[in-house]
Protein backbone atom coordinates (compact mmCIF):
# COMPACT_ATOMS: atom_id res chain seq x y z
CA MET A 1 8.27 15.21 4.11
CA ILE A 2 4.53 15.13 5.16
CA GLU A 3 3.39 18.25 3.71
CA SER A 4 -0.47 17.64 3.72
CA GLY A 5 -2.53 19.99 6.18
CA ASP A 6 -5.62 17.53 5.85
CA GLY A 7 -4.90 15.01 8.45
CA GLY A 8 -5.23 11.98 6.79
CA PHE A 9 -5.52 10.27 3.03
CA PHE A 10 -9.10 10.66 2.89
CA ARG A 11 -11.96 12.40 5.09
CA LEU A 12 -15.41 10.99 5.78
CA GLU A 13 -18.33 13.40 5.16
CA ASP A 14 -21.92 12.25 5.36
CA GLY A 15 -21.08 8.49 4.52
CA LEU A 16 -18.89 9.38 1.64
CA LEU A 17 -15.21 9.19 1.29
CA THR A 18 -13.18 12.06 -0.56
CA ALA A 19 -9.64 11.83 -1.23
CA ASN A 20 -7.45 14.86 0.13
CA ASP A 21 -4.55 15.92 -2.44
CA ALA A 22 -1.79 13.24 -0.50
CA ALA A 23 -4.29 10.13 -1.95
CA ARG A 24 -4.04 11.46 -5.86
CA GLY A 25 -1.60 8.70 -7.75
CA PRO A 26 1.07 9.59 -10.12
CA TRP A 27 -0.75 8.50 -13.34
CA SER A 28 -3.75 10.78 -13.58
CA ALA A 29 -5.34 13.94 -11.95
CA ASP A 30 -8.26 12.55 -10.88
CA ALA A 31 -7.56 9.26 -9.51
CA CYS A 32 -6.06 8.00 -6.44
CA HIS A 33 -2.87 5.91 -5.65
CA GLY A 34 -3.47 2.36 -4.95
CA GLY A 35 -2.40 2.38 -1.29
CA PRO A 36 -4.32 4.49 0.37
CA VAL A 37 -7.52 3.31 -1.38
CA THR A 38 -6.20 -0.40 -0.05
CA GLY A 39 -5.64 1.01 3.39
CA LEU A 40 -9.84 1.77 2.82
CA VAL A 41 -10.48 -1.39 2.27
CA ALA A 42 -8.48 -3.23 4.95
CA ARG A 43 -10.03 -0.76 7.27
CA ALA A 44 -13.33 -1.91 6.16
CA LEU A 45 -12.70 -6.08 6.22
CA GLU A 46 -11.23 -5.50 9.90
CA GLN A 47 -14.65 -3.44 10.71
CA VAL A 48 -16.75 -6.80 9.77
CA LEU A 49 -14.22 -9.52 11.42
CA PRO A 50 -12.51 -7.14 14.31
CA HIS A 51 -11.82 -10.58 16.54
CA LYS A 52 -9.75 -11.85 13.66
CA GLN A 53 -6.53 -10.56 12.49
CA LEU A 54 -6.76 -9.63 9.00
CA VAL A 55 -3.07 -11.91 7.65
CA ARG A 56 -4.03 -11.65 3.55
CA LEU A 57 -5.88 -9.26 1.30
CA THR A 58 -5.70 -8.96 -2.27
CA LEU A 59 -7.32 -6.26 -4.56
CA ASN A 60 -8.39 -6.28 -8.24
CA PHE A 61 -8.38 -2.74 -9.35
CA ARG A 62 -11.10 -2.72 -12.33
CA ARG A 63 -10.82 0.82 -13.33
CA PRO A 64 -9.18 3.97 -11.65
CA VAL A 65 -10.50 5.04 -8.05
CA PRO A 66 -11.87 9.17 -8.33
CA MET A 67 -10.94 11.89 -5.94
CA LEU A 68 -14.91 11.88 -4.93
CA GLY A 69 -18.06 10.30 -3.87
CA LEU A 70 -16.43 6.70 -3.01
CA THR A 71 -17.79 4.00 -0.43
CA VAL A 72 -16.52 0.76 0.61
CA THR A 73 -18.39 -2.15 1.73
CA ALA A 74 -17.42 -5.27 3.26
CA ALA A 75 -19.25 -8.69 3.97
CA VAL A 76 -17.98 -11.70 5.75
CA ASP A 77 -18.08 -14.96 3.68
CA ARG A 78 -17.35 -17.45 5.81
CA ASP A 79 -16.56 -16.86 9.39
CA GLY A 80 -15.62 -20.16 11.30
CA ARG A 81 -13.90 -20.60 14.80
CA GLU A 82 -10.22 -20.28 13.48
CA VAL A 83 -10.05 -18.77 10.05
CA ALA A 84 -12.60 -16.27 8.52
CA ILE A 85 -12.88 -14.91 4.83
CA GLY A 86 -14.07 -11.56 3.69
CA SER A 87 -15.10 -9.57 0.73
CA ALA A 88 -15.21 -6.09 -0.07
CA GLU A 89 -15.89 -3.51 -2.74
CA VAL A 90 -14.96 0.32 -3.58
CA ARG A 91 -17.64 1.84 -5.01
CA SER A 92 -18.35 5.18 -7.03
CA GLU A 93 -20.67 7.05 -8.79
CA ALA A 94 -19.49 5.03 -12.23
CA GLY A 95 -19.63 1.47 -10.81
CA ILE A 96 -17.48 -0.83 -8.75
CA CYS A 97 -13.79 0.28 -8.95
CA VAL A 98 -11.70 -2.36 -6.80
CA THR A 99 -13.09 -5.83 -5.73
CA ALA A 100 -11.21 -7.79 -2.76
CA SER A 101 -11.10 -10.71 -0.89
CA SER A 102 -9.50 -11.29 2.68
CA VAL A 103 -8.27 -14.00 5.08
CA HIS A 104 -8.31 -13.38 8.86
CA ILE A 105 -7.10 -15.81 11.86
CA ALA A 106 -7.96 -15.95 15.16
CA PRO A 107 -4.66 -15.03 17.36
CA GLN A 108 -3.45 -17.09 20.10
CA VAL A 109 -0.59 -16.44 22.69
CA ARG A 110 2.40 -18.60 22.30
CA THR A 111 5.67 -17.75 22.78
CA ASP A 112 7.20 -21.49 22.29
CA LEU A 113 6.89 -21.71 18.54
CA PRO A 114 9.95 -21.53 16.27
CA THR A 115 10.33 -19.13 13.30
CA ALA A 116 12.71 -18.37 10.22
CA PHE A 117 15.49 -15.40 11.05
CA ARG A 118 15.81 -13.15 7.92
CA PRO A 119 18.29 -9.97 8.43
CA HIS A 120 16.74 -6.67 8.50
CA PRO A 121 17.01 -3.19 7.70
CA ASP A 122 18.57 -0.95 10.67
CA PHE A 123 16.32 1.86 10.96
CA SER A 124 18.71 3.76 12.93
CA LYS A 125 21.28 3.81 10.20
CA ALA A 126 18.87 5.38 7.83
CA GLY A 127 18.67 8.58 6.13
CA PRO A 128 15.74 10.91 5.20
CA GLY A 129 15.57 11.50 1.43
CA GLU A 130 12.64 12.10 -1.17
CA PHE A 131 10.16 9.83 -2.84
CA GLN A 132 10.93 8.01 -5.87
CA LEU A 133 9.08 10.61 -7.75
CA ARG A 134 8.68 13.99 -6.47
CA HIS A 135 6.81 15.75 -9.06
CA ALA A 136 3.98 13.87 -11.24
CA PRO A 137 3.41 14.21 -14.63
CA HIS A 138 0.21 15.92 -14.28
CA GLY A 139 1.43 18.57 -12.07
CA GLN A 140 -0.81 18.06 -8.90
CA PRO A 141 0.45 17.64 -5.58
CA PHE A 142 0.01 13.85 -5.04
CA PHE A 143 1.11 10.88 -2.85
CA SER A 144 4.44 12.34 -1.91
CA SER A 145 3.06 15.06 -0.19
CA GLY A 146 1.74 11.87 2.38
CA VAL A 147 5.13 10.56 3.16
CA GLU A 148 8.14 10.65 4.78
CA VAL A 149 10.89 8.56 3.54
CA ALA A 150 14.22 7.40 4.72
CA TYR A 151 16.85 5.18 3.19
CA PRO A 152 19.39 2.62 4.48
CA PRO A 153 23.32 3.73 3.38
CA GLY A 154 24.10 3.05 0.25
CA GLU A 155 20.53 3.32 -1.47
CA THR A 156 19.64 5.94 -4.10
CA LEU A 157 16.94 7.44 -5.85
CA ALA A 158 18.14 5.26 -9.32
CA PRO A 159 16.27 2.82 -10.74
CA GLY A 160 16.46 -1.27 -9.65
CA PRO A 161 16.00 -3.31 -6.18
CA THR A 162 15.55 -0.71 -3.31
CA THR A 163 15.16 -0.97 0.15
CA VAL A 164 12.95 2.38 1.46
CA TRP A 165 11.81 3.17 4.93
CA MET A 166 8.02 4.92 4.96
CA ARG A 167 5.91 6.76 7.48
CA THR A 168 2.62 8.11 6.08
CA LEU A 169 -0.67 9.93 6.66
CA PRO A 170 -3.43 7.82 8.71
CA ILE A 171 -5.86 6.65 6.19
CA VAL A 172 -8.93 8.71 7.42
CA ALA A 173 -8.53 12.03 8.94
CA GLY A 174 -9.81 11.79 12.60
CA GLU A 175 -8.69 7.71 12.88
CA VAL A 176 -5.66 6.41 14.09
CA PRO A 177 -5.04 3.38 11.38
CA SER A 178 -4.30 -0.48 12.38
CA PRO A 179 -1.25 -2.01 12.14
CA PHE A 180 -2.47 -3.36 8.66
CA GLN A 181 -3.82 -0.20 7.31
CA SER A 182 -0.38 1.53 8.00
CA LEU A 183 1.42 -0.76 5.50
CA CYS A 184 -0.79 -0.36 2.88
CA PRO A 185 0.43 2.38 1.47
CA LEU A 186 4.07 1.32 1.65
CA ALA A 187 3.01 -1.87 0.01
CA ASP A 188 1.58 -0.31 -3.33
CA CYS A 189 4.77 1.30 -3.43
CA GLY A 190 7.32 -1.42 -4.63
CA ASN A 191 6.48 -0.93 -8.43
CA ALA A 192 8.02 2.77 -8.01
CA VAL A 193 10.61 2.28 -5.37
CA SER A 194 12.26 -0.99 -7.56
CA ARG A 195 11.48 0.23 -11.03
CA ASN A 196 13.72 -0.82 -13.83
CA ALA A 197 13.79 2.42 -15.82
CA GLU A 198 12.48 5.98 -15.22
CA PHE A 199 9.14 7.64 -15.15
CA THR A 200 9.56 9.11 -17.95
CA GLU A 201 10.90 6.23 -19.92
CA ALA A 202 8.05 3.80 -19.15
CA ILE A 203 4.90 3.18 -17.33
CA PHE A 204 4.45 0.14 -14.80
CA ILE A 205 0.90 -0.01 -13.45
CA ASN A 206 -0.13 -2.53 -11.30
CA PRO A 207 -4.10 -4.17 -11.84
CA ASP A 208 -3.70 -5.74 -8.45
CA LEU A 209 -1.87 -5.98 -5.02
CA THR A 210 -1.90 -8.69 -2.72
CA ILE A 211 -0.48 -8.32 0.97
CA ALA A 212 0.27 -10.69 3.70
CA VAL A 213 1.18 -10.26 7.25
CA PHE A 214 2.08 -12.79 9.79
CA ARG A 215 3.25 -10.66 12.36
CA PRO A 216 1.22 -6.91 12.71
CA PRO A 217 3.86 -4.20 12.71
CA GLU A 218 4.57 -2.18 15.85
CA SER A 219 6.22 0.88 14.52
CA ASP A 220 5.11 4.12 12.72
CA TRP A 221 8.09 3.79 10.14
CA LEU A 222 8.34 0.83 7.80
CA ALA A 223 10.33 -0.57 5.48
CA SER A 224 9.77 -2.18 2.17
CA GLU A 225 12.64 -4.46 0.26
CA ALA A 226 11.30 -4.48 -3.28
CA MET A 227 12.29 -5.96 -6.73
CA SER A 228 10.73 -5.59 -9.66
CA HIS A 229 10.46 -8.08 -13.02
CA TRP A 230 10.01 -6.88 -16.47
CA GLN A 231 9.88 -9.28 -19.33
CA PRO A 232 9.89 -7.80 -22.97
CA ASN A 233 6.43 -8.78 -23.58
CA GLY A 234 5.25 -6.00 -21.43
CA VAL A 235 4.13 -8.13 -18.56
CA GLY A 236 5.79 -7.57 -14.71
CA MET A 237 6.18 -8.22 -11.28
CA SER A 238 6.77 -6.51 -8.06
CA GLN A 239 7.73 -8.37 -4.68
CA ALA A 240 8.77 -6.74 -1.57
CA GLN A 241 9.27 -8.01 1.72
CA LEU A 242 7.88 -5.86 4.84
CA PHE A 243 9.23 -4.66 7.66
CA ASP A 244 8.77 -2.91 11.06
CA VAL A 245 12.04 -1.26 13.13
CA LYS A 246 11.88 -5.04 14.95
CA GLY A 247 11.87 -7.29 11.83
CA ALA A 248 10.31 -8.79 8.78
CA VAL A 249 6.42 -8.64 9.10
CA GLY A 250 5.35 -10.16 5.33
CA PHE A 251 5.57 -9.53 1.72
CA ALA A 252 3.39 -7.23 -1.18
CA LEU A 253 2.92 -8.88 -4.49
CA GLN A 254 1.94 -6.59 -7.62
CA THR A 255 1.58 -8.00 -10.96
CA LEU A 256 2.50 -4.89 -13.54
CA LEU A 257 1.45 -3.90 -16.75
CA VAL A 258 4.59 -2.49 -18.20
CA ARG A 259 4.40 -0.17 -21.59
CA PRO A 260 7.38 1.74 -23.17
CA ILE A 261 6.67 5.51 -23.57
CA THR A 262 7.33 6.77 -27.22
CA LYS A 263 8.78 10.37 -27.33
């Protein structure tokens, strides 16, 4: 259940973005969760390319993103008639925290093009539940306070491939997020919802995130059907297909740094 009374993951004050409790990540009390930060980047890129649809966004997390004093800048690297390419940065007082690149396509109105069909989760059969990690090791309020989750029948909180429905706070307080922005917090949760061990047994941090969206979502509730692949060399990957209540909308991919927690 959403508990934050701040109205969004971030608030904008005097040109700087400050994170509310719900934007805090699980690994450090002083750093943001990657999902809301991704929403900020999508927001900035959509503002500089408002006439094309954001279809692919890739972030490289260069350092932890602090909770205070953030700026996000975006630039148009190429703006063609049909396709545009953008770039963005998230900065703090310590320097660049995140770099990003994006692809935007001019949409057309057509109804006669075929596409593949894939069965999708049925939201009407989902039941309310808890986020995979309810209490962070650092003991502070964090991302779980800004989301509501629901699970299809048979899904549990146990490790392994998992499908979860999620509804979240807006990215910035007082603003209505775009469909792409609404996907971002969920897209960065694939490594958690499909982890292969408990949070007390391993860390599984994603140094990057790629979201590819072929159809803008049309509902508040969004789903991730996620699976993680961990290898003995400590390298992993999380892949997730993303859905709205009507069907598939895109994919999310994270590479993972996986390390056992020694006790």
